[in-house]
Amino acid sequence: MPNTVTAVFQDGVLKPTRKLKLRPNEKVTLQILRKGKAPATEDLGPLAGAFPELAALSDKDLAAAKQIWTRRLRKQSRMFTRKGPRR
């Protein structure tokens, strides 16, 4: 299960601000999110915690996804409101 930990970068090393429950030499994957910059996923609320990979999306990624979603939603709306046979 993903775990969020705050760390401080000092002397070329990331130092967690709390004790981690890890075995010696255990390998982990880190995702770096700078403090002070609000992540693009902040407005996703609980979804960001449920899907940590969303935190990696940039504002540009989210804008592109929203544009695609909006375009396809309009297309579907037109299909369902059209009268007569489909072309």
C-alpha atoms as a PDB file:
ATOM      1  CA  MET A   1       0.000   0.000   0.000  1.00  0.00           C
ATOM      2  CA  PRO A   2       1.401   3.441  -0.883  1.00  0.00           C
ATOM      3  CA  ASN A   3       2.697   5.528   1.976  1.00  0.00           C
ATOM      4  CA  THR A   4       3.290   9.289   1.936  1.00  0.00           C
ATOM      5  CA  VAL A   5       6.298  10.529   3.871  1.00  0.00           C
ATOM      6  CA  THR A   6       7.759  14.015   4.157  1.00  0.00           C
ATOM      7  CA  ALA A   7      11.532  14.209   3.811  1.00  0.00           C
ATOM      8  CA  VAL A   8      14.232  16.874   3.834  1.00  0.00           C
ATOM      9  CA  PHE A   9      17.058  16.914   1.299  1.00  0.00           C
ATOM     10  CA  GLN A  10      20.346  17.497   3.166  1.00  0.00           C
ATOM     11  CA  ASP A  11      23.923  16.841   2.115  1.00  0.00           C
ATOM     12  CA  GLY A  12      22.788  15.009  -1.021  1.00  0.00           C
ATOM     13  CA  VAL A  13      20.495  12.630   0.904  1.00  0.00           C
ATOM     14  CA  LEU A  14      16.724  12.548   1.429  1.00  0.00           C
ATOM     15  CA  LYS A  15      16.058  12.274   5.169  1.00  0.00           C
ATOM     16  CA  PRO A  16      12.523  11.278   6.236  1.00  0.00           C
ATOM     17  CA  THR A  17      10.958  13.351   8.999  1.00  0.00           C
ATOM     18  CA  ARG A  18       9.644  10.214  10.711  1.00  0.00           C
ATOM     19  CA  LYS A  19      10.787   6.642  11.254  1.00  0.00           C
ATOM     20  CA  LEU A  20      10.041   4.289   8.361  1.00  0.00           C
ATOM     21  CA  LYS A  21       8.981   0.673   8.750  1.00  0.00           C
ATOM     22  CA  LEU A  22      11.449  -0.751   6.227  1.00  0.00           C
ATOM     23  CA  ARG A  23      13.828  -3.690   6.338  1.00  0.00           C
ATOM     24  CA  PRO A  24      17.572  -2.994   5.984  1.00  0.00           C
ATOM     25  CA  ASN A  25      18.545  -2.622   2.295  1.00  0.00           C
ATOM     26  CA  GLU A  26      14.888  -2.740   1.195  1.00  0.00           C
ATOM     27  CA  LYS A  27      14.367  -1.015  -2.143  1.00  0.00           C
ATOM     28  CA  VAL A  28      11.501   1.444  -2.600  1.00  0.00           C
ATOM     29  CA  THR A  29      10.248   3.701  -5.379  1.00  0.00           C
ATOM     30  CA  LEU A  30      10.158   7.413  -4.645  1.00  0.00           C
ATOM     31  CA  GLN A  31       7.978  10.067  -6.211  1.00  0.00           C
ATOM     32  CA  ILE A  32       9.288  13.570  -5.559  1.00  0.00           C
ATOM     33  CA  LEU A  33       6.732  16.357  -5.037  1.00  0.00           C
ATOM     34  CA  ARG A  34       8.251  19.681  -4.038  1.00  0.00           C
ATOM     35  CA  LYS A  35       6.678  21.414  -1.053  1.00  0.00           C
ATOM     36  CA  GLY A  36       5.542  24.966  -1.658  1.00  0.00           C
ATOM     37  CA  LYS A  37       4.200  24.107  -5.096  1.00  0.00           C
ATOM     38  CA  ALA A  38       0.616  22.889  -4.995  1.00  0.00           C
ATOM     39  CA  PRO A  39       0.365  19.661  -6.988  1.00  0.00           C
ATOM     40  CA  ALA A  40      -2.033  19.708  -9.926  1.00  0.00           C
ATOM     41  CA  THR A  41      -3.996  16.895  -8.301  1.00  0.00           C
ATOM     42  CA  GLU A  42      -4.762  18.862  -5.140  1.00  0.00           C
ATOM     43  CA  ASP A  43      -8.301  19.540  -6.374  1.00  0.00           C
ATOM     44  CA  LEU A  44      -8.896  15.797  -6.857  1.00  0.00           C
ATOM     45  CA  GLY A  45      -9.525  15.417  -3.132  1.00  0.00           C
ATOM     46  CA  PRO A  46      -9.586  11.811  -1.917  1.00  0.00           C
ATOM     47  CA  LEU A  47      -8.909  10.490  -5.418  1.00  0.00           C
ATOM     48  CA  ALA A  48      -5.307  11.678  -5.221  1.00  0.00           C
ATOM     49  CA  GLY A  49      -4.778   9.476  -2.149  1.00  0.00           C
ATOM     50  CA  ALA A  50      -6.597   6.513  -3.681  1.00  0.00           C
ATOM     51  CA  PHE A  51      -4.598   6.773  -6.909  1.00  0.00           C
ATOM     52  CA  PRO A  52      -1.118   8.112  -6.049  1.00  0.00           C
ATOM     53  CA  GLU A  53      -0.077   8.047  -9.708  1.00  0.00           C
ATOM     54  CA  LEU A  54      -2.442  10.993 -10.251  1.00  0.00           C
ATOM     55  CA  ALA A  55      -0.006  13.145  -8.300  1.00  0.00           C
ATOM     56  CA  ALA A  56       2.476  12.786 -11.169  1.00  0.00           C
ATOM     57  CA  LEU A  57       0.115  14.456 -13.644  1.00  0.00           C
ATOM     58  CA  SER A  58       0.899  18.027 -14.582  1.00  0.00           C
ATOM     59  CA  ASP A  59      -1.602  20.821 -15.129  1.00  0.00           C
ATOM     60  CA  LYS A  60      -0.982  20.363 -18.863  1.00  0.00           C
ATOM     61  CA  ASP A  61      -1.861  16.633 -18.632  1.00  0.00           C
ATOM     62  CA  LEU A  62      -5.064  17.370 -16.735  1.00  0.00           C
ATOM     63  CA  ALA A  63      -6.079  20.128 -19.177  1.00  0.00           C
ATOM     64  CA  ALA A  64      -5.533  17.795 -22.149  1.00  0.00           C
ATOM     65  CA  ALA A  65      -7.553  15.019 -20.500  1.00  0.00           C
ATOM     66  CA  LYS A  66     -10.370  17.438 -19.685  1.00  0.00           C
ATOM     67  CA  GLN A  67     -10.409  18.695 -23.281  1.00  0.00           C
ATOM     68  CA  ILE A  68     -10.617  15.136 -24.682  1.00  0.00           C
ATOM     69  CA  TRP A  69     -13.335  14.185 -22.196  1.00  0.00           C
ATOM     70  CA  THR A  70     -15.382  17.309 -22.997  1.00  0.00           C
ATOM     71  CA  ARG A  71     -15.078  16.776 -26.761  1.00  0.00           C
ATOM     72  CA  ARG A  72     -16.196  13.141 -26.549  1.00  0.00           C
ATOM     73  CA  LEU A  73     -19.041  13.965 -24.176  1.00  0.00           C
ATOM     74  CA  ARG A  74     -20.374  16.547 -26.649  1.00  0.00           C
ATOM     75  CA  LYS A  75     -20.117  14.002 -29.461  1.00  0.00           C
ATOM     76  CA  GLN A  76     -22.115  11.447 -27.471  1.00  0.00           C
ATOM     77  CA  SER A  77     -24.705  14.049 -26.531  1.00  0.00           C
ATOM     78  CA  ARG A  78     -25.206  14.901 -30.195  1.00  0.00           C
ATOM     79  CA  MET A  79     -25.596  11.202 -31.064  1.00  0.00           C
ATOM     80  CA  PHE A  80     -28.368  10.741 -28.512  1.00  0.00           C
ATOM     81  CA  THR A  81     -30.245  13.930 -29.347  1.00  0.00           C
ATOM     82  CA  ARG A  82     -30.192  13.446 -33.139  1.00  0.00           C
ATOM     83  CA  LYS A  83     -33.452  12.461 -34.796  1.00  0.00           C
ATOM     84  CA  GLY A  84     -33.564  10.172 -37.768  1.00  0.00           C
ATOM     85  CA  PRO A  85     -31.128   7.555 -39.032  1.00  0.00           C
ATOM     86  CA  ARG A  86     -27.429   7.788 -38.285  1.00  0.00           C
ATOM     87  CA  ARG A  87     -25.082   8.709 -41.107  1.00  0.00           C
END
